[in-house]
C-alpha atoms as a PDB file:
ATOM      1  CA  MET A   1     -24.122 -10.231  21.199  1.00  0.00           C
ATOM      2  CA  LEU A   2     -23.226 -11.412  17.879  1.00  0.00           C
ATOM      3  CA  LYS A   3     -21.714 -14.649  16.433  1.00  0.00           C
ATOM      4  CA  ILE A   4     -21.140 -15.866  13.053  1.00  0.00           C
ATOM      5  CA  THR A   5     -19.765 -19.489  12.618  1.00  0.00           C
ATOM      6  CA  GLU A   6     -18.030 -21.184   9.607  1.00  0.00           C
ATOM      7  CA  PHE A   7     -19.944 -18.931   7.034  1.00  0.00           C
ATOM      8  CA  SER A   8     -18.820 -19.008   3.452  1.00  0.00           C
ATOM      9  CA  ASN A   9     -20.481 -17.858   0.198  1.00  0.00           C
ATOM     10  CA  SER A  10     -19.263 -16.946  -3.298  1.00  0.00           C
ATOM     11  CA  ILE A  11     -17.047 -14.212  -1.819  1.00  0.00           C
ATOM     12  CA  LEU A  12     -16.535 -15.099   1.758  1.00  0.00           C
ATOM     13  CA  THR A  13     -14.586 -18.276   3.134  1.00  0.00           C
ATOM     14  CA  ASN A  14     -15.034 -19.836   6.660  1.00  0.00           C
ATOM     15  CA  ILE A  15     -15.952 -16.555   8.610  1.00  0.00           C
ATOM     16  CA  ASN A  16     -15.761 -17.035  12.321  1.00  0.00           C
ATOM     17  CA  PHE A  17     -15.934 -14.745  15.256  1.00  0.00           C
ATOM     18  CA  HIS A  18     -18.038 -13.430  18.055  1.00  0.00           C
ATOM     19  CA  LEU A  19     -18.533 -10.196  19.894  1.00  0.00           C
ATOM     20  CA  SER A  20     -19.899  -9.829  23.480  1.00  0.00           C
ATOM     21  CA  GLU A  21     -22.484  -7.166  24.397  1.00  0.00           C
ATOM     22  CA  SER A  22     -20.160  -4.410  25.277  1.00  0.00           C
ATOM     23  CA  GLU A  23     -17.592  -5.073  22.243  1.00  0.00           C
ATOM     24  CA  ASN A  24     -17.549  -2.661  19.220  1.00  0.00           C
ATOM     25  CA  LEU A  25     -15.683  -3.764  16.130  1.00  0.00           C
ATOM     26  CA  ILE A  26     -13.920  -2.086  13.213  1.00  0.00           C
ATOM     27  CA  ILE A  27     -13.492  -3.997  10.032  1.00  0.00           C
ATOM     28  CA  LEU A  28     -10.430  -3.166   7.832  1.00  0.00           C
ATOM     29  CA  GLY A  29      -9.185  -4.784   4.623  1.00  0.00           C
ATOM     30  CA  SER A  30      -8.225  -3.771   1.006  1.00  0.00           C
ATOM     31  CA  ASN A  31     -10.464  -3.186  -1.569  1.00  0.00           C
ATOM     32  CA  GLY A  32     -12.823  -6.153  -2.566  1.00  0.00           C
ATOM     33  CA  ALA A  33     -11.847  -8.078   0.371  1.00  0.00           C
ATOM     34  CA  GLY A  34     -15.450  -8.598   1.264  1.00  0.00           C
ATOM     35  CA  LYS A  35     -15.942  -6.146   3.913  1.00  0.00           C
ATOM     36  CA  SER A  36     -19.394  -4.957   2.779  1.00  0.00           C
ATOM     37  CA  THR A  37     -20.494  -8.474   1.904  1.00  0.00           C
ATOM     38  CA  LEU A  38     -19.833  -9.536   5.358  1.00  0.00           C
ATOM     39  CA  ALA A  39     -21.771  -6.347   6.743  1.00  0.00           C
ATOM     40  CA  LYS A  40     -24.875  -7.456   4.721  1.00  0.00           C
ATOM     41  CA  VAL A  41     -24.646 -10.997   6.072  1.00  0.00           C
ATOM     42  CA  LEU A  42     -24.636  -9.815   9.414  1.00  0.00           C
ATOM     43  CA  CYS A  43     -27.913  -7.631   9.155  1.00  0.00           C
ATOM     44  CA  ALA A  44     -29.680 -10.283   7.029  1.00  0.00           C
ATOM     45  CA  LEU A  45     -29.539  -8.395   3.751  1.00  0.00           C
ATOM     46  CA  SER A  46     -27.745 -11.383   2.474  1.00  0.00           C
ATOM     47  CA  HIS A  47     -29.369 -14.690   3.601  1.00  0.00           C
ATOM     48  CA  SER A  48     -27.559 -17.102   6.245  1.00  0.00           C
ATOM     49  CA  ASP A  49     -28.226 -19.264   8.881  1.00  0.00           C
ATOM     50  CA  SER A  50     -24.529 -18.870  10.305  1.00  0.00           C
ATOM     51  CA  VAL A  51     -25.515 -15.705  12.281  1.00  0.00           C
ATOM     52  CA  GLU A  52     -26.745 -15.255  15.866  1.00  0.00           C
ATOM     53  CA  LEU A  53     -27.501 -11.991  17.254  1.00  0.00           C
ATOM     54  CA  PHE A  54     -28.324 -11.527  20.850  1.00  0.00           C
ATOM     55  CA  GLY A  55     -28.683 -15.120  21.419  1.00  0.00           C
ATOM     56  CA  LYS A  56     -30.777 -16.156  18.471  1.00  0.00           C
ATOM     57  CA  LYS A  57     -30.226 -17.180  14.867  1.00  0.00           C
ATOM     58  CA  LEU A  58     -30.749 -13.775  12.936  1.00  0.00           C
ATOM     59  CA  ASN A  59     -33.047 -15.533  10.215  1.00  0.00           C
ATOM     60  CA  MET A  60     -35.480 -16.537  13.224  1.00  0.00           C
ATOM     61  CA  TYR A  61     -36.214 -12.779  13.933  1.00  0.00           C
ATOM     62  CA  SER A  62     -39.199 -11.199  11.919  1.00  0.00           C
ATOM     63  CA  ALA A  63     -38.424  -8.170   9.750  1.00  0.00           C
ATOM     64  CA  LYS A  64     -39.687  -5.769  12.486  1.00  0.00           C
ATOM     65  CA  GLN A  65     -37.792  -7.448  15.193  1.00  0.00           C
ATOM     66  CA  ARG A  66     -34.497  -7.336  12.867  1.00  0.00           C
ATOM     67  CA  SER A  67     -35.074  -3.601  12.388  1.00  0.00           C
ATOM     68  CA  LEU A  68     -35.046  -2.992  16.116  1.00  0.00           C
ATOM     69  CA  LEU A  69     -31.810  -5.124  16.415  1.00  0.00           C
ATOM     70  CA  VAL A  70     -29.567  -4.185  13.476  1.00  0.00           C
ATOM     71  CA  ASN A  71     -29.301  -1.450  11.029  1.00  0.00           C
ATOM     72  CA  TYR A  72     -26.885  -1.129   8.085  1.00  0.00           C
ATOM     73  CA  VAL A  73     -25.738   2.341   7.134  1.00  0.00           C
ATOM     74  CA  PRO A  74     -24.529   2.179   3.380  1.00  0.00           C
ATOM     75  CA  PRO A  75     -21.527   4.209   2.297  1.00  0.00           C
ATOM     76  CA  LYS A  76     -23.757   6.303  -0.153  1.00  0.00           C
ATOM     77  CA  LEU A  77     -27.021   8.126   0.294  1.00  0.00           C
ATOM     78  CA  GLU A  78     -29.317   7.017  -2.345  1.00  0.00           C
ATOM     79  CA  ILE A  79     -32.763   8.591  -2.670  1.00  0.00           C
ATOM     80  CA  PHE A  80     -35.233   7.797  -5.345  1.00  0.00           C
ATOM     81  CA  ASP A  81     -37.733  10.515  -4.573  1.00  0.00           C
ATOM     82  CA  GLU A  82     -36.530  13.736  -6.226  1.00  0.00           C
ATOM     83  CA  TYR A  83     -38.705  15.769  -4.111  1.00  0.00           C
ATOM     84  CA  ILE A  84     -38.071  14.468  -0.516  1.00  0.00           C
ATOM     85  CA  SER A  85     -36.373  16.959   1.746  1.00  0.00           C
ATOM     86  CA  LEU A  86     -33.731  16.102   4.222  1.00  0.00           C
ATOM     87  CA  ARG A  87     -36.108  16.763   7.100  1.00  0.00           C
ATOM     88  CA  GLU A  88     -38.861  14.427   5.555  1.00  0.00           C
ATOM     89  CA  TYR A  89     -36.201  11.575   5.098  1.00  0.00           C
ATOM     90  CA  LEU A  90     -35.085  11.855   8.683  1.00  0.00           C
ATOM     91  CA  GLU A  91     -38.642  11.864   9.947  1.00  0.00           C
ATOM     92  CA  LEU A  92     -39.104   8.637   7.979  1.00  0.00           C
ATOM     93  CA  SER A  93     -35.891   7.405   9.577  1.00  0.00           C
ATOM     94  CA  LYS A  94     -37.216   7.655  13.153  1.00  0.00           C
ATOM     95  CA  LEU A  95     -38.122   4.300  14.841  1.00  0.00           C
ATOM     96  CA  TYR A  96     -36.653   3.654  18.126  1.00  0.00           C
ATOM     97  CA  SER A  97     -34.483   6.421  19.103  1.00  0.00           C
ATOM     98  CA  LYS A  98     -35.404   8.992  21.910  1.00  0.00           C
ATOM     99  CA  LEU A  99     -33.714  11.646  19.934  1.00  0.00           C
ATOM    100  CA  THR A 100     -35.895  13.994  17.917  1.00  0.00           C
ATOM    101  CA  VAL A 101     -35.121  15.241  14.260  1.00  0.00           C
ATOM    102  CA  ASP A 102     -34.387  18.669  15.410  1.00  0.00           C
ATOM    103  CA  GLU A 103     -31.847  17.466  17.947  1.00  0.00           C
ATOM    104  CA  VAL A 104     -30.135  15.271  15.264  1.00  0.00           C
ATOM    105  CA  LEU A 105     -30.062  18.199  12.971  1.00  0.00           C
ATOM    106  CA  GLU A 106     -28.564  20.500  15.366  1.00  0.00           C
ATOM    107  CA  LEU A 107     -25.965  17.789  16.371  1.00  0.00           C
ATOM    108  CA  LEU A 108     -24.784  17.389  12.911  1.00  0.00           C
ATOM    109  CA  ASN A 109     -24.994  20.983  11.809  1.00  0.00           C
ATOM    110  CA  LEU A 110     -27.548  20.102   9.089  1.00  0.00           C
ATOM    111  CA  LYS A 111     -30.498  22.497  10.252  1.00  0.00           C
ATOM    112  CA  ALA A 112     -29.874  24.864   7.212  1.00  0.00           C
ATOM    113  CA  LEU A 113     -30.325  22.041   4.950  1.00  0.00           C
ATOM    114  CA  GLU A 114     -33.557  20.539   6.417  1.00  0.00           C
ATOM    115  CA  ASP A 115     -35.845  21.753   3.646  1.00  0.00           C
ATOM    116  CA  LYS A 116     -33.290  20.998   0.681  1.00  0.00           C
ATOM    117  CA  PRO A 117     -34.122  18.192  -1.593  1.00  0.00           C
ATOM    118  CA  CYS A 118     -31.963  14.971  -0.738  1.00  0.00           C
ATOM    119  CA  ILE A 119     -30.990  14.537  -4.223  1.00  0.00           C
ATOM    120  CA  THR A 120     -29.199  18.053  -4.378  1.00  0.00           C
ATOM    121  CA  LEU A 121     -27.086  17.347  -1.373  1.00  0.00           C
ATOM    122  CA  SER A 122     -23.476  16.884  -1.768  1.00  0.00           C
ATOM    123  CA  SER A 123     -21.477  13.516  -1.175  1.00  0.00           C
ATOM    124  CA  GLY A 124     -20.313  14.868   2.134  1.00  0.00           C
ATOM    125  CA  GLU A 125     -23.779  16.281   3.188  1.00  0.00           C
ATOM    126  CA  GLY A 126     -25.221  12.968   2.073  1.00  0.00           C
ATOM    127  CA  GLN A 127     -22.807  11.057   4.416  1.00  0.00           C
ATOM    128  CA  LEU A 128     -23.824  13.056   7.397  1.00  0.00           C
ATOM    129  CA  SER A 129     -27.644  12.581   6.349  1.00  0.00           C
ATOM    130  CA  LEU A 130     -26.958   8.963   6.589  1.00  0.00           C
ATOM    131  CA  ILE A 131     -25.325   9.193  10.205  1.00  0.00           C
ATOM    132  CA  ALA A 132     -28.229  11.442  11.228  1.00  0.00           C
ATOM    133  CA  SER A 133     -30.664   8.619  10.054  1.00  0.00           C
ATOM    134  CA  SER A 134     -28.855   5.960  11.780  1.00  0.00           C
ATOM    135  CA  LEU A 135     -29.099   7.945  15.304  1.00  0.00           C
ATOM    136  CA  LEU A 136     -33.178   8.200  14.661  1.00  0.00           C
ATOM    137  CA  HIS A 137     -33.322   4.727  13.626  1.00  0.00           C
ATOM    138  CA  GLY A 138     -31.815   3.716  17.140  1.00  0.00           C
ATOM    139  CA  ALA A 139     -31.290   0.084  16.425  1.00  0.00           C
ATOM    140  CA  LYS A 140     -29.217  -2.075  19.118  1.00  0.00           C
ATOM    141  CA  LEU A 141     -26.439  -2.924  16.560  1.00  0.00           C
ATOM    142  CA  THR A 142     -25.614  -0.317  13.872  1.00  0.00           C
ATOM    143  CA  ILE A 143     -23.246  -1.269  10.996  1.00  0.00           C
ATOM    144  CA  PHE A 144     -21.548   1.569   9.495  1.00  0.00           C
ATOM    145  CA  ASP A 145     -20.085   1.048   5.995  1.00  0.00           C
ATOM    146  CA  GLU A 146     -17.291   3.817   5.391  1.00  0.00           C
ATOM    147  CA  PRO A 147     -18.970   6.461   7.696  1.00  0.00           C
ATOM    148  CA  THR A 148     -16.229   9.174   7.070  1.00  0.00           C
ATOM    149  CA  ALA A 149     -15.929   8.763   3.304  1.00  0.00           C
ATOM    150  CA  ASN A 150     -16.327  12.169   1.414  1.00  0.00           C
ATOM    151  CA  LEU A 151     -15.965  14.202   4.765  1.00  0.00           C
ATOM    152  CA  ASP A 152     -13.790  17.296   5.118  1.00  0.00           C
ATOM    153  CA  PRO A 153     -11.720  17.271   8.400  1.00  0.00           C
ATOM    154  CA  LYS A 154     -14.216  19.229  10.479  1.00  0.00           C
ATOM    155  CA  LYS A 155     -17.069  16.808   9.475  1.00  0.00           C
ATOM    156  CA  MET A 156     -14.974  13.916  10.035  1.00  0.00           C
ATOM    157  CA  GLN A 157     -14.037  15.093  13.446  1.00  0.00           C
ATOM    158  CA  LYS A 158     -17.778  15.385  14.299  1.00  0.00           C
ATOM    159  CA  VAL A 159     -18.668  11.895  13.131  1.00  0.00           C
ATOM    160  CA  ALA A 160     -15.629  10.369  14.963  1.00  0.00           C
ATOM    161  CA  LYS A 161     -17.006  11.807  18.116  1.00  0.00           C
ATOM    162  CA  ILE A 162     -20.605  10.552  17.490  1.00  0.00           C
ATOM    163  CA  LEU A 163     -19.102   7.233  16.521  1.00  0.00           C
ATOM    164  CA  SER A 164     -17.212   6.977  19.831  1.00  0.00           C
ATOM    165  CA  GLY A 165     -20.069   8.574  22.002  1.00  0.00           C
ATOM    166  CA  ASP A 166     -23.037   7.119  23.750  1.00  0.00           C
ATOM    167  CA  LYS A 167     -25.687   8.052  21.271  1.00  0.00           C
ATOM    168  CA  ILE A 168     -25.168   4.717  19.347  1.00  0.00           C
ATOM    169  CA  GLN A 169     -25.648   1.448  21.340  1.00  0.00           C
ATOM    170  CA  ASN A 170     -23.377  -1.004  19.620  1.00  0.00           C
ATOM    171  CA  ARG A 171     -21.402  -0.603  16.403  1.00  0.00           C
ATOM    172  CA  ILE A 172     -19.413  -2.264  13.692  1.00  0.00           C
ATOM    173  CA  ILE A 173     -17.434   0.240  11.493  1.00  0.00           C
ATOM    174  CA  ILE A 174     -16.104  -0.534   8.218  1.00  0.00           C
ATOM    175  CA  THR A 175     -13.346   1.748   7.321  1.00  0.00           C
ATOM    176  CA  HIS A 176     -10.083   2.390   5.448  1.00  0.00           C
ATOM    177  CA  ASP A 177      -8.914   5.003   7.779  1.00  0.00           C
ATOM    178  CA  LEU A 178      -6.373   3.633  10.117  1.00  0.00           C
ATOM    179  CA  ASN A 179      -6.297   6.722  12.222  1.00  0.00           C
ATOM    180  CA  LEU A 180     -10.018   6.461  13.087  1.00  0.00           C
ATOM    181  CA  ALA A 181      -9.640   2.792  13.919  1.00  0.00           C
ATOM    182  CA  HIS A 182      -6.568   3.556  16.196  1.00  0.00           C
ATOM    183  CA  LYS A 183      -8.353   6.337  17.776  1.00  0.00           C
ATOM    184  CA  LEU A 184     -11.678   4.631  18.476  1.00  0.00           C
ATOM    185  CA  GLY A 185      -9.644   1.852  20.005  1.00  0.00           C
ATOM    186  CA  TYR A 186     -12.110  -1.088  19.193  1.00  0.00           C
ATOM    187  CA  LYS A 187     -11.260  -4.435  18.520  1.00  0.00           C
ATOM    188  CA  ILE A 188     -10.239  -5.161  14.890  1.00  0.00           C
ATOM    189  CA  LEU A 189     -11.036  -7.717  12.156  1.00  0.00           C
ATOM    190  CA  TYR A 190      -8.924  -7.418   9.176  1.00  0.00           C
ATOM    191  CA  MET A 191     -10.039  -9.163   5.986  1.00  0.00           C
ATOM    192  CA  SER A 192      -8.132 -10.252   2.832  1.00  0.00           C
ATOM    193  CA  ASN A 193      -9.448 -12.195  -0.221  1.00  0.00           C
ATOM    194  CA  GLY A 194     -12.818 -13.015   1.437  1.00  0.00           C
ATOM    195  CA  ALA A 195     -11.177 -14.437   4.760  1.00  0.00           C
ATOM    196  CA  VAL A 196     -10.568 -13.024   8.124  1.00  0.00           C
ATOM    197  CA  GLU A 197      -6.697 -12.613   8.466  1.00  0.00           C
ATOM    198  CA  PHE A 198      -6.783 -10.960  11.869  1.00  0.00           C
ATOM    199  CA  PHE A 199      -9.146 -10.742  14.775  1.00  0.00           C
ATOM    200  CA  ASP A 200      -8.037  -9.184  17.975  1.00  0.00           C
ATOM    201  CA  THR A 201      -7.392  -6.202  20.092  1.00  0.00           C
ATOM    202  CA  ASN A 202      -6.601  -2.789  18.864  1.00  0.00           C
ATOM    203  CA  GLU A 203      -3.381  -2.861  20.634  1.00  0.00           C
ATOM    204  CA  LYS A 204      -2.294  -6.141  18.914  1.00  0.00           C
ATOM    205  CA  PHE A 205      -3.354  -4.831  15.519  1.00  0.00           C
ATOM    206  CA  PHE A 206      -1.182  -1.738  15.648  1.00  0.00           C
ATOM    207  CA  GLU A 207       1.746  -3.647  16.841  1.00  0.00           C
ATOM    208  CA  LYS A 208       4.600  -2.902  14.348  1.00  0.00           C
ATOM    209  CA  ALA A 209       5.128  -6.538  13.397  1.00  0.00           C
ATOM    210  CA  ASN A 210       1.535  -6.764  12.649  1.00  0.00           C
ATOM    211  CA  LEU A 211       1.396  -3.754  10.515  1.00  0.00           C
ATOM    212  CA  ASP A 212       4.352  -4.737   8.622  1.00  0.00           C
ATOM    213  CA  LYS A 213       2.841  -8.175   7.971  1.00  0.00           C
ATOM    214  CA  LEU A 214      -0.390  -6.551   6.741  1.00  0.00           C
ATOM    215  CA  PHE A 215       0.624  -3.538   4.930  1.00  0.00           C
ATOM    216  CA  GLY A 216       4.249  -4.176   4.073  1.00  0.00           C
ATOM    217  CA  THR A 217       5.962  -0.815   3.176  1.00  0.00           C
ATOM    218  CA  SER A 218       2.656   0.944   1.996  1.00  0.00           C
ATOM    219  CA  ILE A 219       2.159   2.798   5.245  1.00  0.00           C
ATOM    220  CA  LYS A 220       4.313   4.553   7.745  1.00  0.00           C
ATOM    221  CA  GLN A 221       3.786   6.240  11.247  1.00  0.00           C
ATOM    222  CA  ILE A 222       4.690   9.879  11.741  1.00  0.00           C
ATOM    223  CA  ASP A 223       4.148  11.530  15.103  1.00  0.00           C
ATOM    224  CA  GLY A 224       1.471   9.041  16.163  1.00  0.00           C
ATOM    225  CA  TYR A 225      -0.507   9.111  12.740  1.00  0.00           C
ATOM    226  CA  PHE A 226      -0.661   6.551  10.154  1.00  0.00           C
ATOM    227  CA  VAL A 227       0.068   7.863   6.476  1.00  0.00           C
ATOM    228  CA  VAL A 228       0.653   6.330   3.029  1.00  0.00           C
ATOM    229  CA  ASN A 229       4.258   5.910   2.453  1.00  0.00           C
ATOM    230  CA  LEU A 230       4.769   7.771  -0.846  1.00  0.00           C
END
């Protein structure tokens, strides 16, 4: 499905990995490690001829073809039209999905906000709106950049169920949430200083020796959950 070979730029260094059609991926790493930069390379928001998507160089697809294949979901909703409502925003988002705007509003409990101007939404409501938009886009591969940021526990639980469900075809998820990464069970890529430090199965990532190597004493596990070691 996805392959990147020996890619480097001013931030990233010698990035190499590939995913098969059935594999999903979690990208972890410290702040400034290059996670979002990598995501933008993978969806052609940053130019590269090192990326292959579904068997073809990404830069060989037209813009319309790329919109069907890959969608990048940013960590924050930014709307420059102060009057556009949530429903209007979602109607503009609908491309290839069979889901309707009403179905997605109901799924994410956003129905009561449909007529509200997007610029008045809270950070958590904006995050849910981005998830809703991605469901309506319906790309073959969706790259989520910190999709659970700014969410309270109930909303986080709802989004986690969507991220693990069948309404998204293939997904790459950038996050700092080790518990989400562990729960989803996807293959993990860990970045540090612009390079890939780990790329393997979820099980191997969460082995104690590997966690100690990557995080030192900064985290600990309590009753199966990963918490900051204060």
